[in-house]
Amino acid sequence: ASVYRLRRDVKWADGAPFTSHDLMFTFRVTREKSIPIVDPGPSEVMESADAADDYTFSLTWRQPYYQAD
């Protein structure tokens, strides 16, 4: 798995913090077959994702992916 530690000072335009839960939302959207995604790209080789806490996000890959990190 690839583990990403997010910076705590990143905010959305409205001032809300950017967290691993935002990345989980994006992961779920890209996996939803009923939503048309123009270029699914790396999401096709992502197996699972996890938000261990607000600032730790991890991805498990199905296969090696040269742009994973």
Protein backbone atom coordinates (compact mmCIF):
# COMPACT_ATOMS: atom_id res chain seq x y z
CA ALA A 1 0.00 0.00 0.00
CA SER A 2 1.04 3.58 -0.59
CA VAL A 3 0.55 5.77 2.47
CA TYR A 4 0.18 9.53 2.09
CA ARG A 5 0.45 11.96 4.99
CA LEU A 6 -1.50 15.09 4.14
CA ARG A 7 -0.43 18.58 5.09
CA ARG A 8 -2.63 20.06 7.79
CA ASP A 9 -2.47 23.61 6.40
CA VAL A 10 -4.25 22.87 3.09
CA LYS A 11 -7.75 24.34 2.87
CA TRP A 12 -10.57 24.43 0.35
CA ALA A 13 -11.59 27.83 -1.10
CA ASP A 14 -14.25 28.16 1.64
CA GLY A 15 -11.64 27.64 4.38
CA ALA A 16 -12.64 24.05 5.22
CA PRO A 17 -9.67 21.73 5.78
CA PHE A 18 -8.68 19.30 3.03
CA THR A 19 -8.66 15.84 4.62
CA SER A 20 -8.26 12.18 3.75
CA HIS A 21 -12.06 11.93 3.77
CA ASP A 22 -12.10 14.18 0.69
CA LEU A 23 -9.78 11.70 -1.02
CA MET A 24 -12.01 8.81 0.02
CA PHE A 25 -14.96 10.60 -1.59
CA THR A 26 -12.96 10.99 -4.81
CA PHE A 27 -11.94 7.33 -4.70
CA ARG A 28 -15.58 6.24 -4.33
CA VAL A 29 -16.75 8.52 -7.16
CA THR A 30 -14.12 7.17 -9.57
CA ARG A 31 -15.22 3.61 -8.74
CA GLU A 32 -18.91 4.31 -9.38
CA LYS A 33 -19.67 2.87 -12.83
CA SER A 34 -22.84 4.96 -13.26
CA ILE A 35 -20.81 8.19 -13.23
CA PRO A 36 -19.07 8.92 -16.54
CA ILE A 37 -15.37 9.58 -15.99
CA VAL A 38 -13.54 10.95 -19.04
CA ASP A 39 -10.19 9.41 -18.10
CA PRO A 40 -10.37 6.84 -15.29
CA GLY A 41 -6.57 6.45 -15.53
CA PRO A 42 -5.02 5.16 -12.34
CA SER A 43 -8.34 4.48 -10.63
CA GLU A 44 -8.58 1.34 -12.76
CA VAL A 45 -5.55 -0.18 -10.98
CA MET A 46 -6.52 0.95 -7.47
CA GLU A 47 -7.86 -1.91 -5.39
CA SER A 48 -8.84 -0.17 -2.16
CA ALA A 49 -8.38 3.01 -0.15
CA ASP A 50 -8.46 3.89 3.53
CA ALA A 51 -8.58 7.05 5.62
CA ALA A 52 -6.91 5.98 8.87
CA ASP A 53 -7.43 9.47 10.26
CA ASP A 54 -8.09 12.97 8.91
CA TYR A 55 -4.56 13.34 7.53
CA THR A 56 -3.49 9.81 6.58
CA PHE A 57 -4.66 8.25 3.33
CA SER A 58 -3.58 4.92 1.90
CA LEU A 59 -4.11 3.18 -1.41
CA THR A 60 -3.68 -0.48 -2.25
CA TRP A 61 -2.86 -1.16 -5.87
CA ARG A 62 -3.99 -4.23 -7.86
CA GLN A 63 -0.79 -4.25 -9.81
CA PRO A 64 2.40 -2.23 -10.04
CA TYR A 65 1.72 1.29 -11.23
CA TYR A 66 4.73 3.37 -12.26
CA GLN A 67 3.15 6.70 -11.24
CA ALA A 68 1.86 5.53 -7.84
CA ASP A 69 4.12 7.79 -5.83
